PDB file of N, CA and C in Angstrom:
ATOM      1  N   MET A   1       1.008  -1.398   0.000  1.00  0.00           N
ATOM      2  CA  MET A   1       0.433  -0.307  -0.106  1.00  0.00           C
ATOM      3  C   MET A   1       0.986   0.967  -0.146  1.00  0.00           C
ATOM      4  N   SER A   2       0.767   1.994  -1.043  1.00  0.00           N
ATOM      5  CA  SER A   2       1.310   3.890  -0.997  1.00  0.00           C
ATOM      6  C   SER A   2       1.459   4.214   0.067  1.00  0.00           C
ATOM      7  N   ILE A   3       2.391   5.177   0.490  1.00  0.00           N
ATOM      8  CA  ILE A   3       2.103   6.491   1.461  1.00  0.00           C
ATOM      9  C   ILE A   3       0.633   7.063   1.179  1.00  0.00           C
ATOM     10  N   GLU A   4       0.843   7.608   0.477  1.00  0.00           N
ATOM     11  CA  GLU A   4      -0.585   8.525  -0.055  1.00  0.00           C
ATOM     12  C   GLU A   4      -1.829   7.301   0.181  1.00  0.00           C
ATOM     13  N   LYS A   5      -1.775   6.355  -0.327  1.00  0.00           N
ATOM     14  CA  LYS A   5      -3.353   5.412   0.313  1.00  0.00           C
ATOM     15  C   LYS A   5      -3.645   5.440   1.501  1.00  0.00           C
ATOM     16  N   GLN A   6      -2.348   4.986   2.448  1.00  0.00           N
ATOM     17  CA  GLN A   6      -2.199   4.906   3.833  1.00  0.00           C
ATOM     18  C   GLN A   6      -2.868   6.223   4.390  1.00  0.00           C
ATOM     19  N   ILE A   7      -2.551   7.465   4.114  1.00  0.00           N
ATOM     20  CA  ILE A   7      -3.007   8.612   4.395  1.00  0.00           C
ATOM     21  C   ILE A   7      -4.386   8.849   4.089  1.00  0.00           C
ATOM     22  N   ASP A   8      -4.737   8.530   3.013  1.00  0.00           N
ATOM     23  CA  ASP A   8      -5.968   8.930   2.650  1.00  0.00           C
ATOM     24  C   ASP A   8      -7.323   7.573   3.464  1.00  0.00           C
ATOM     25  N   ASP A   9      -6.390   6.664   3.767  1.00  0.00           N
ATOM     26  CA  ASP A   9      -7.065   5.961   4.421  1.00  0.00           C
ATOM     27  C   ASP A   9      -7.613   6.171   5.950  1.00  0.00           C
ATOM     28  N   LEU A  10      -6.767   6.846   6.711  1.00  0.00           N
ATOM     29  CA  LEU A  10      -6.593   7.578   7.760  1.00  0.00           C
ATOM     30  C   LEU A  10      -7.711   8.536   7.964  1.00  0.00           C
ATOM     31  N   ILE A  11      -7.336   9.520   6.739  1.00  0.00           N
ATOM     32  CA  ILE A  11      -8.536  10.471   6.520  1.00  0.00           C
ATOM     33  C   ILE A  11      -9.642   9.996   6.503  1.00  0.00           C
ATOM     34  N   GLU A  12      -9.987   8.938   5.556  1.00  0.00           N
ATOM     35  CA  GLU A  12     -11.430   8.745   5.586  1.00  0.00           C
ATOM     36  C   GLU A  12     -11.705   7.084   6.938  1.00  0.00           C
ATOM     37  N   ALA A  13     -10.854   7.264   7.628  1.00  0.00           N
ATOM     38  CA  ALA A  13     -11.090   6.136   9.079  1.00  0.00           C
ATOM     39  C   ALA A  13     -11.491   7.532  10.132  1.00  0.00           C
ATOM     40  N   GLY A  14     -11.010   8.394  10.125  1.00  0.00           N
ATOM     41  CA  GLY A  14     -11.582   9.555  10.880  1.00  0.00           C
ATOM     42  C   GLY A  14     -13.101  10.327  10.334  1.00  0.00           C
ATOM     43  N   TRP A  15     -13.695   9.882   9.190  1.00  0.00           N
ATOM     44  CA  TRP A  15     -14.774  10.843   8.558  1.00  0.00           C
ATOM     45  C   TRP A  15     -15.781   9.136   9.771  1.00  0.00           C
ATOM     46  N   TYR A  16     -15.132   7.904   9.485  1.00  0.00           N
ATOM     47  CA  TYR A  16     -16.078   6.658  10.179  1.00  0.00           C
ATOM     48  C   TYR A  16     -16.204   7.010  11.722  1.00  0.00           C
ATOM     49  N   VAL A  17     -15.134   7.516  12.424  1.00  0.00           N
ATOM     50  CA  VAL A  17     -14.927   7.983  13.795  1.00  0.00           C
ATOM     51  C   VAL A  17     -16.086   9.143  13.919  1.00  0.00           C
ATOM     52  N   LEU A  18     -15.838  10.245  13.244  1.00  0.00           N
ATOM     53  CA  LEU A  18     -17.000  10.832  13.132  1.00  0.00           C
ATOM     54  C   LEU A  18     -18.422  10.523  13.290  1.00  0.00           C
ATOM     55  N   ASN A  19     -18.637   9.945  12.244  1.00  0.00           N
ATOM     56  CA  ASN A  19     -19.993   8.993  12.213  1.00  0.00           C
ATOM     57  C   ASN A  19     -20.099   8.199  13.031  1.00  0.00           C
ATOM     58  N   SER A  20     -19.000   7.917  14.199  1.00  0.00           N
ATOM     59  CA  SER A  20     -19.627   6.895  15.187  1.00  0.00           C
ATOM     60  C   SER A  20     -19.849   7.672  16.333  1.00  0.00           C
ATOM     61  N   ASN A  21     -20.010   8.924  15.957  1.00  0.00           N
ATOM     62  CA  ASN A  21     -20.658   9.845  17.542  1.00  0.00           C
ATOM     63  C   ASN A  21     -19.344   9.946  18.519  1.00  0.00           C
ATOM     64  N   LEU A  22     -18.100   9.806  17.735  1.00  0.00           N
ATOM     65  CA  LEU A  22     -17.040   9.933  18.246  1.00  0.00           C
ATOM     66  C   LEU A  22     -16.652   9.155  19.650  1.00  0.00           C
ATOM     67  N   ASP A  23     -16.997   7.804  19.042  1.00  0.00           N
ATOM     68  CA  ASP A  23     -16.608   6.625  20.037  1.00  0.00           C
ATOM     69  C   ASP A  23     -15.060   6.700  20.554  1.00  0.00           C
ATOM     70  N   PRO A  24     -14.850   6.805  21.574  1.00  0.00           N
ATOM     71  CA  PRO A  24     -13.253   7.349  22.454  1.00  0.00           C
ATOM     72  C   PRO A  24     -12.693   6.056  22.393  1.00  0.00           C
ATOM     73  N   VAL A  25     -13.090   4.911  21.914  1.00  0.00           N
ATOM     74  CA  VAL A  25     -12.077   4.034  21.724  1.00  0.00           C
ATOM     75  C   VAL A  25     -11.944   4.112  20.331  1.00  0.00           C
ATOM     76  N   ALA A  26     -12.574   4.583  19.298  1.00  0.00           N
ATOM     77  CA  ALA A  26     -12.342   4.266  17.923  1.00  0.00           C
ATOM     78  C   ALA A  26     -11.268   5.774  17.578  1.00  0.00           C
ATOM     79  N   PHE A  27     -11.813   6.805  18.222  1.00  0.00           N
ATOM     80  CA  PHE A  27     -11.081   8.018  18.538  1.00  0.00           C
ATOM     81  C   PHE A  27      -9.496   7.877  18.498  1.00  0.00           C
ATOM     82  N   GLN A  28      -9.258   7.122  19.711  1.00  0.00           N
ATOM     83  CA  GLN A  28      -8.178   6.934  20.216  1.00  0.00           C
ATOM     84  C   GLN A  28      -7.568   5.523  19.310  1.00  0.00           C
ATOM     85  N   ASN A  29      -8.344   4.870  18.943  1.00  0.00           N
ATOM     86  CA  ASN A  29      -7.244   4.044  17.841  1.00  0.00           C
ATOM     87  C   ASN A  29      -6.790   4.750  16.431  1.00  0.00           C
ATOM     88  N   TRP A  30      -7.628   6.001  16.176  1.00  0.00           N
ATOM     89  CA  TRP A  30      -7.532   6.418  15.015  1.00  0.00           C
ATOM     90  C   TRP A  30      -6.334   7.391  15.209  1.00  0.00           C
ATOM     91  N   ARG A  31      -6.660   8.203  16.389  1.00  0.00           N
ATOM     92  CA  ARG A  31      -5.314   9.208  16.630  1.00  0.00           C
ATOM     93  C   ARG A  31      -3.943   8.533  16.626  1.00  0.00           C
ATOM     94  N   ASN A  32      -3.765   7.227  17.185  1.00  0.00           N
ATOM     95  CA  ASN A  32      -2.415   6.804  17.425  1.00  0.00           C
ATOM     96  C   ASN A  32      -2.150   6.347  15.837  1.00  0.00           C
ATOM     97  N   GLN A  33      -2.833   5.688  15.130  1.00  0.00           N
ATOM     98  CA  GLN A  33      -2.322   5.580  13.788  1.00  0.00           C
ATOM     99  C   GLN A  33      -2.032   6.257  13.073  1.00  0.00           C
ATOM    100  N   ALA A  34      -3.001   7.531  13.120  1.00  0.00           N
ATOM    101  CA  ALA A  34      -2.675   8.932  12.490  1.00  0.00           C
ATOM    102  C   ALA A  34      -1.504   9.516  12.767  1.00  0.00           C
ATOM    103  N   SER A  35      -1.392   9.558  13.849  1.00  0.00           N
ATOM    104  CA  SER A  35       0.445  10.062  14.806  1.00  0.00           C
ATOM    105  C   SER A  35       1.643   9.012  14.485  1.00  0.00           C
ATOM    106  N   ASP A  36       1.331   8.084  14.466  1.00  0.00           N
ATOM    107  CA  ASP A  36       2.599   7.024  14.149  1.00  0.00           C
ATOM    108  C   ASP A  36       2.524   7.415  12.556  1.00  0.00           C
ATOM    109  N   CYS A  37       1.809   7.507  11.957  1.00  0.00           N
ATOM    110  CA  CYS A  37       2.320   7.862  10.353  1.00  0.00           C
ATOM    111  C   CYS A  37       2.796   9.117   9.887  1.00  0.00           C
ATOM    112  N   ILE A  38       2.145   9.791  11.014  1.00  0.00           N
ATOM    113  CA  ILE A  38       2.814  11.441  10.639  1.00  0.00           C
ATOM    114  C   ILE A  38       4.506  11.428  10.757  1.00  0.00           C
ATOM    115  N   ILE A  39       4.518  10.805  12.294  1.00  0.00           N
ATOM    116  CA  ILE A  39       5.940  10.978  13.111  1.00  0.00           C
ATOM    117  C   ILE A  39       6.927  10.154  11.883  1.00  0.00           C
ATOM    118  N   ALA A  40       6.124   8.799  11.798  1.00  0.00           N
ATOM    119  CA  ALA A  40       6.943   7.930  10.546  1.00  0.00           C
ATOM    120  C   ALA A  40       7.375   8.628   9.389  1.00  0.00           C
ATOM    121  N   LEU A  41       6.866   9.965   8.666  1.00  0.00           N
ATOM    122  CA  LEU A  41       6.897  10.413   7.370  1.00  0.00           C
ATOM    123  C   LEU A  41       7.706  11.552   7.938  1.00  0.00           C
ATOM    124  N   LEU A  42       7.592  12.230   8.623  1.00  0.00           N
ATOM    125  CA  LEU A  42       8.379  13.455   8.939  1.00  0.00           C
ATOM    126  C   LEU A  42       8.983  13.767  10.089  1.00  0.00           C
ATOM    127  N   GLY A  43       8.763  12.786  10.998  1.00  0.00           N
ATOM    128  CA  GLY A  43       9.951  12.891  11.866  1.00  0.00           C
ATOM    129  C   GLY A  43       9.079  13.444  13.347  1.00  0.00           C
ATOM    130  N   PRO A  44       9.614  13.045  14.339  1.00  0.00           N
ATOM    131  CA  PRO A  44       8.530  13.694  15.701  1.00  0.00           C
ATOM    132  C   PRO A  44       9.217  15.301  16.109  1.00  0.00           C
ATOM    133  N   HIS A  45       9.675  15.759  15.452  1.00  0.00           N
ATOM    134  CA  HIS A  45       9.887  17.506  15.585  1.00  0.00           C
ATOM    135  C   HIS A  45       9.316  18.276  14.749  1.00  0.00           C
ATOM    136  N   HIS A  46       8.754  17.517  13.405  1.00  0.00           N
ATOM    137  CA  HIS A  46       8.438  18.195  12.315  1.00  0.00           C
ATOM    138  C   HIS A  46       6.806  18.995  13.190  1.00  0.00           C
ATOM    139  N   THR A  47       6.963  20.576  11.897  1.00  0.00           N
ATOM    140  CA  THR A  47       5.304  21.082  12.840  1.00  0.00           C
ATOM    141  C   THR A  47       4.449  20.238  12.731  1.00  0.00           C
ATOM    142  N   TYR A  48       4.103  19.450  11.552  1.00  0.00           N
ATOM    143  CA  TYR A  48       2.872  18.736  11.561  1.00  0.00           C
ATOM    144  C   TYR A  48       2.380  17.652  12.270  1.00  0.00           C
ATOM    145  N   SER A  49       3.769  17.178  12.936  1.00  0.00           N
ATOM    146  CA  SER A  49       3.873  15.970  13.917  1.00  0.00           C
ATOM    147  C   SER A  49       3.537  16.398  15.101  1.00  0.00           C
ATOM    148  N   GLU A  50       4.024  17.873  15.325  1.00  0.00           N
ATOM    149  CA  GLU A  50       4.093  18.985  16.462  1.00  0.00           C
ATOM    150  C   GLU A  50       2.423  18.950  17.071  1.00  0.00           C
ATOM    151  N   ASN A  51       2.158  19.683  15.692  1.00  0.00           N
ATOM    152  CA  ASN A  51       0.488  20.195  15.783  1.00  0.00           C
ATOM    153  C   ASN A  51      -0.534  19.039  15.978  1.00  0.00           C
ATOM    154  N   PHE A  52      -0.140  18.148  15.363  1.00  0.00           N
ATOM    155  CA  PHE A  52      -0.919  16.626  15.643  1.00  0.00           C
ATOM    156  C   PHE A  52      -1.399  16.238  16.648  1.00  0.00           C
ATOM    157  N   ASN A  53      -0.104  16.498  17.636  1.00  0.00           N
ATOM    158  CA  ASN A  53      -0.171  16.000  19.261  1.00  0.00           C
ATOM    159  C   ASN A  53      -0.587  16.869  20.175  1.00  0.00           C
ATOM    160  N   SER A  54      -0.310  18.198  19.639  1.00  0.00           N
ATOM    161  CA  SER A  54      -0.847  19.382  20.686  1.00  0.00           C
ATOM    162  C   SER A  54      -2.403  19.326  20.075  1.00  0.00           C
ATOM    163  N   TYR A  55      -2.652  19.061  18.667  1.00  0.00           N
ATOM    164  CA  TYR A  55      -4.615  19.474  18.585  1.00  0.00           C
ATOM    165  C   TYR A  55      -5.354  18.796  18.681  1.00  0.00           C
ATOM    166  N   VAL A  56      -4.435  17.184  18.534  1.00  0.00           N
ATOM    167  CA  VAL A  56      -6.064  16.295  18.401  1.00  0.00           C
ATOM    168  C   VAL A  56      -5.434  15.486  19.512  1.00  0.00           C
ATOM    169  N   GLN A  57      -6.324  15.485  20.708  1.00  0.00           N
ATOM    170  CA  GLN A  57      -6.508  15.200  21.890  1.00  0.00           C
ATOM    171  C   GLN A  57      -7.390  14.294  22.322  1.00  0.00           C
ATOM    172  N   TYR A  58      -8.329  14.823  21.827  1.00  0.00           N
ATOM    173  CA  TYR A  58      -9.729  14.682  22.498  1.00  0.00           C
ATOM    174  C   TYR A  58     -10.884  14.223  21.803  1.00  0.00           C
ATOM    175  N   PRO A  59     -12.069  13.292  21.979  1.00  0.00           N
ATOM    176  CA  PRO A  59     -12.747  13.087  20.944  1.00  0.00           C
ATOM    177  C   PRO A  59     -13.872  14.157  20.730  1.00  0.00           C
ATOM    178  N   ASP A  60     -13.693  14.870  19.744  1.00  0.00           N
ATOM    179  CA  ASP A  60     -14.889  16.196  19.648  1.00  0.00           C
ATOM    180  C   ASP A  60     -14.341  16.273  17.968  1.00  0.00           C
ATOM    181  N   PRO A  61     -15.383  16.660  17.052  1.00  0.00           N
ATOM    182  CA  PRO A  61     -15.208  17.515  16.172  1.00  0.00           C
ATOM    183  C   PRO A  61     -14.403  17.869  15.814  1.00  0.00           C
ATOM    184  N   LYS A  62     -13.760  19.127  17.106  1.00  0.00           N
ATOM    185  CA  LYS A  62     -13.211  20.130  16.218  1.00  0.00           C
ATOM    186  C   LYS A  62     -11.347  19.215  16.112  1.00  0.00           C
ATOM    187  N   ASN A  63     -11.233  18.605  17.094  1.00  0.00           N
ATOM    188  CA  ASN A  63      -9.940  17.774  16.957  1.00  0.00           C
ATOM    189  C   ASN A  63      -9.793  16.847  16.264  1.00  0.00           C
ATOM    190  N   LEU A  64     -10.807  16.321  15.780  1.00  0.00           N
ATOM    191  CA  LEU A  64     -11.081  15.298  14.271  1.00  0.00           C
ATOM    192  C   LEU A  64     -10.568  15.799  13.146  1.00  0.00           C
ATOM    193  N   LEU A  65     -11.393  17.106  13.192  1.00  0.00           N
ATOM    194  CA  LEU A  65     -11.143  17.817  11.544  1.00  0.00           C
ATOM    195  C   LEU A  65      -9.810  18.356  11.715  1.00  0.00           C
ATOM    196  N   ALA A  66      -9.086  19.218  13.195  1.00  0.00           N
ATOM    197  CA  ALA A  66      -8.198  19.467  13.087  1.00  0.00           C
ATOM    198  C   ALA A  66      -6.728  18.162  12.480  1.00  0.00           C
ATOM    199  N   GLY A  67      -6.903  16.843  12.882  1.00  0.00           N
ATOM    200  CA  GLY A  67      -6.378  16.021  12.762  1.00  0.00           C
ATOM    201  C   GLY A  67      -6.602  15.869  11.262  1.00  0.00           C
ATOM    202  N   SER A  68      -7.750  15.603  10.537  1.00  0.00           N
ATOM    203  CA  SER A  68      -8.035  15.344   9.253  1.00  0.00           C
ATOM    204  C   SER A  68      -6.882  16.156   8.355  1.00  0.00           C
ATOM    205  N   GLY A  69      -7.250  17.452   9.055  1.00  0.00           N
ATOM    206  CA  GLY A  69      -6.615  18.588   8.147  1.00  0.00           C
ATOM    207  C   GLY A  69      -5.029  18.890   8.009  1.00  0.00           C
ATOM    208  N   ILE A  70      -4.445  18.044   9.137  1.00  0.00           N
ATOM    209  CA  ILE A  70      -2.811  17.879   9.525  1.00  0.00           C
ATOM    210  C   ILE A  70      -2.617  16.627   8.457  1.00  0.00           C
ATOM    211  N   LEU A  71      -3.143  15.048   8.394  1.00  0.00           N
ATOM    212  CA  LEU A  71      -2.877  14.433   7.694  1.00  0.00           C
ATOM    213  C   LEU A  71      -2.862  14.664   6.320  1.00  0.00           C
ATOM    214  N   THR A  72      -4.200  15.477   5.711  1.00  0.00           N
ATOM    215  CA  THR A  72      -4.004  16.057   4.384  1.00  0.00           C
ATOM    216  C   THR A  72      -2.802  17.258   4.079  1.00  0.00           C
ATOM    217  N   ALA A  73      -2.470  17.770   4.789  1.00  0.00           N
ATOM    218  CA  ALA A  73      -1.071  18.571   4.844  1.00  0.00           C
ATOM    219  C   ALA A  73       0.190  17.857   4.742  1.00  0.00           C
ATOM    220  N   ALA A  74       0.326  16.435   5.648  1.00  0.00           N
ATOM    221  CA  ALA A  74       1.287  15.673   5.693  1.00  0.00           C
ATOM    222  C   ALA A  74       1.627  15.111   4.168  1.00  0.00           C
ATOM    223  N   ARG A  75      -0.050  14.570   3.437  1.00  0.00           N
ATOM    224  CA  ARG A  75       0.508  14.288   2.282  1.00  0.00           C
ATOM    225  C   ARG A  75       0.744  14.689   1.381  1.00  0.00           C
ATOM    226  N   ASP A  76      -0.146  15.880   1.044  1.00  0.00           N
ATOM    227  CA  ASP A  76       0.672  16.935   0.215  1.00  0.00           C
ATOM    228  C   ASP A  76       2.044  17.322   0.141  1.00  0.00           C
ATOM    229  N   GLU A  77       2.342  17.122   1.573  1.00  0.00           N
ATOM    230  CA  GLU A  77       4.182  17.885   1.740  1.00  0.00           C
ATOM    231  C   GLU A  77       4.893  16.499   0.990  1.00  0.00           C
ATOM    232  N   MET A  78       4.589  15.690   1.225  1.00  0.00           N
ATOM    233  CA  MET A  78       4.930  13.946   0.711  1.00  0.00           C
ATOM    234  C   MET A  78       4.895  14.136  -0.923  1.00  0.00           C
ATOM    235  N   VAL A  79       3.328  14.070  -1.452  1.00  0.00           N
ATOM    236  CA  VAL A  79       3.561  14.474  -2.712  1.00  0.00           C
ATOM    237  C   VAL A  79       4.503  15.516  -3.641  1.00  0.00           C
ATOM    238  N   LYS A  80       4.658  16.720  -3.067  1.00  0.00           N
ATOM    239  CA  LYS A  80       5.152  17.462  -3.236  1.00  0.00           C
ATOM    240  C   LYS A  80       6.674  17.294  -3.569  1.00  0.00           C
ATOM    241  N   ASN A  81       7.115  16.811  -2.332  1.00  0.00           N
ATOM    242  CA  ASN A  81       8.667  16.401  -2.413  1.00  0.00           C
ATOM    243  C   ASN A  81       8.815  15.407  -2.774  1.00  0.00           C
ATOM    244  N   CYS A  82       8.098  14.360  -3.423  1.00  0.00           N
ATOM    245  CA  CYS A  82       8.657  13.144  -4.306  1.00  0.00           C
ATOM    246  C   CYS A  82       8.891  13.665  -5.278  1.00  0.00           C
ATOM    247  N   PRO A  83      10.348  12.757  -5.627  1.00  0.00           N
ATOM    248  CA  PRO A  83      10.931  13.819  -7.076  1.00  0.00           C
ATOM    249  C   PRO A  83      10.305  13.155  -8.565  1.00  0.00           C
ATOM    250  N   ASP A  84       9.663  11.671  -7.715  1.00  0.00           N
ATOM    251  CA  ASP A  84       9.009  11.026  -9.312  1.00  0.00           C
ATOM    252  C   ASP A  84       7.538  10.761  -8.851  1.00  0.00           C
ATOM    253  N   GLN A  85       6.532  11.574  -9.077  1.00  0.00           N
ATOM    254  CA  GLN A  85       5.144  11.471  -8.774  1.00  0.00           C
ATOM    255  C   GLN A  85       4.940   9.642  -9.461  1.00  0.00           C
ATOM    256  N   HIS A  86       5.251   9.304 -10.050  1.00  0.00           N
ATOM    257  CA  HIS A  86       4.802   7.981 -10.602  1.00  0.00           C
ATOM    258  C   HIS A  86       5.289   6.799  -9.732  1.00  0.00           C
ATOM    259  N   GLN A  87       6.117   7.206  -8.626  1.00  0.00           N
ATOM    260  CA  GLN A  87       6.836   6.143  -7.768  1.00  0.00           C
ATOM    261  C   GLN A  87       5.869   6.268  -6.812  1.00  0.00           C
ATOM    262  N   LEU A  88       5.143   7.293  -6.140  1.00  0.00           N
ATOM    263  CA  LEU A  88       4.656   7.050  -5.138  1.00  0.00           C
ATOM    264  C   LEU A  88       3.766   5.496  -4.858  1.00  0.00           C
ATOM    265  N   ASP A  89       3.222   4.970  -5.588  1.00  0.00           N
ATOM    266  CA  ASP A  89       2.229   3.901  -5.421  1.00  0.00           C
ATOM    267  C   ASP A  89       3.299   2.881  -4.818  1.00  0.00           C
ATOM    268  N   ASN A  90       4.524   3.196  -5.456  1.00  0.00           N
ATOM    269  CA  ASN A  90       5.437   1.846  -5.036  1.00  0.00           C
ATOM    270  C   ASN A  90       6.319   1.902  -3.643  1.00  0.00           C
ATOM    271  N   CYS A  91       5.825   3.304  -3.034  1.00  0.00           N
ATOM    272  CA  CYS A  91       6.395   3.323  -1.443  1.00  0.00           C
ATOM    273  C   CYS A  91       5.584   2.877  -0.752  1.00  0.00           C
ATOM    274  N   ARG A  92       5.952   2.659   0.344  1.00  0.00           N
ATOM    275  CA  ARG A  92       5.490   2.123   1.856  1.00  0.00           C
ATOM    276  C   ARG A  92       6.238   2.255   2.894  1.00  0.00           C
ATOM    277  N   ILE A  93       5.667   2.810   4.213  1.00  0.00           N
ATOM    278  CA  ILE A  93       6.067   2.827   5.103  1.00  0.00           C
ATOM    279  C   ILE A  93       6.618   1.415   5.793  1.00  0.00           C
ATOM    280  N   LEU A  94       8.025   1.247   6.437  1.00  0.00           N
ATOM    281  CA  LEU A  94       8.285   0.484   7.304  1.00  0.00           C
ATOM    282  C   LEU A  94       8.872   0.604   8.488  1.00  0.00           C
ATOM    283  N   PRO A  95       8.363   0.890   9.551  1.00  0.00           N
ATOM    284  CA  PRO A  95       9.408   1.187  10.902  1.00  0.00           C
ATOM    285  C   PRO A  95      10.658   0.870  11.325  1.00  0.00           C
ATOM    286  N   ALA A  96      11.478   1.289  11.407  1.00  0.00           N
ATOM    287  CA  ALA A  96      12.963   1.227  11.585  1.00  0.00           C
ATOM    288  C   ALA A  96      12.984   0.319  13.045  1.00  0.00           C
ATOM    289  N   SER A  97      12.288   0.524  13.613  1.00  0.00           N
ATOM    290  CA  SER A  97      11.980  -0.322  15.115  1.00  0.00           C
ATOM    291  C   SER A  97      10.786  -0.295  15.680  1.00  0.00           C
ATOM    292  N   SER A  98      10.670  -1.044  16.528  1.00  0.00           N
ATOM    293  CA  SER A  98       9.164  -1.704  16.506  1.00  0.00           C
ATOM    294  C   SER A  98       8.610  -0.750  17.975  1.00  0.00           C
ATOM    295  N   ASN A  99       9.225   0.164  18.416  1.00  0.00           N
ATOM    296  CA  ASN A  99       8.961   1.009  19.755  1.00  0.00           C
ATOM    297  C   ASN A  99       8.224   2.451  18.431  1.00  0.00           C
ATOM    298  N   LYS A 100       7.273   2.118  18.498  1.00  0.00           N
ATOM    299  CA  LYS A 100       6.281   3.078  18.035  1.00  0.00           C
ATOM    300  C   LYS A 100       6.912   4.571  18.125  1.00  0.00           C
ATOM    301  N   LYS A 101       7.043   4.910  19.397  1.00  0.00           N
ATOM    302  CA  LYS A 101       6.871   6.085  19.813  1.00  0.00           C
ATOM    303  C   LYS A 101       8.277   6.701  19.277  1.00  0.00           C
ATOM    304  N   ASN A 102       9.265   5.924  18.795  1.00  0.00           N
ATOM    305  CA  ASN A 102      10.841   6.472  18.385  1.00  0.00           C
ATOM    306  C   ASN A 102      10.581   5.488  17.005  1.00  0.00           C
ATOM    307  N   CYS A 103       9.604   5.616  16.013  1.00  0.00           N
ATOM    308  CA  CYS A 103       9.500   5.090  15.049  1.00  0.00           C
ATOM    309  C   CYS A 103      10.028   6.020  13.803  1.00  0.00           C
ATOM    310  N   GLU A 104      10.985   5.553  13.040  1.00  0.00           N
ATOM    311  CA  GLU A 104      11.559   6.338  12.302  1.00  0.00           C
ATOM    312  C   GLU A 104      10.697   5.460  10.691  1.00  0.00           C
ATOM    313  N   ALA A 105      10.980   6.095   9.863  1.00  0.00           N
ATOM    314  CA  ALA A 105      10.467   5.197   8.633  1.00  0.00           C
ATOM    315  C   ALA A 105      11.375   5.034   7.231  1.00  0.00           C
ATOM    316  N   LEU A 106      11.303   4.358   6.823  1.00  0.00           N
ATOM    317  CA  LEU A 106      12.046   3.898   5.080  1.00  0.00           C
ATOM    318  C   LEU A 106      11.037   3.868   4.285  1.00  0.00           C
ATOM    319  N   CYS A 107      11.380   4.494   3.449  1.00  0.00           N
ATOM    320  CA  CYS A 107      10.710   4.747   2.036  1.00  0.00           C
ATOM    321  C   CYS A 107      11.089   3.382   1.113  1.00  0.00           C
ATOM    322  N   THR A 108      10.498   2.262   1.033  1.00  0.00           N
ATOM    323  CA  THR A 108      11.036   1.071   0.210  1.00  0.00           C
ATOM    324  C   THR A 108      10.088   0.935  -0.971  1.00  0.00           C
ATOM    325  N   ARG A 109      10.629   0.178  -1.779  1.00  0.00           N
ATOM    326  CA  ARG A 109      10.043   0.004  -3.073  1.00  0.00           C
ATOM    327  C   ARG A 109       9.495  -1.492  -3.030  1.00  0.00           C
ATOM    328  N   TRP A 110       8.280  -1.736  -3.368  1.00  0.00           N
ATOM    329  CA  TRP A 110       7.651  -3.289  -3.243  1.00  0.00           C
ATOM    330  C   TRP A 110       8.345  -4.190  -4.151  1.00  0.00           C
ATOM    331  N   THR A 111       8.481  -5.542  -3.686  1.00  0.00           N
ATOM    332  CA  THR A 111       9.503  -6.234  -4.636  1.00  0.00           C
ATOM    333  C   THR A 111       8.579  -7.663  -5.111  1.00  0.00           C
TER     334      THR A 111
END
């Protein structure tokens, strides 16, 4: 699955959380996955990573919409910085460590 598709799926999952009347467990699962994805793509100190963790804390519509907006911005940043737009579909995120809090990503080609 490409990075772009993973982010699109997370954005869509956010809408399902919103439609679930913001179920706290569903929100927390979505938040954790989205945060891990942004950190894996951009690093823990990138503005998007820090803003996501600051603005997306509670299961309410404003937090969820802020998170979806940050995911969209991260996706757009990744697309903008990819040297070959046709290779986006061949990339995926692989954690360099099993420790998700300190996760770094490697963009590798599907074999």
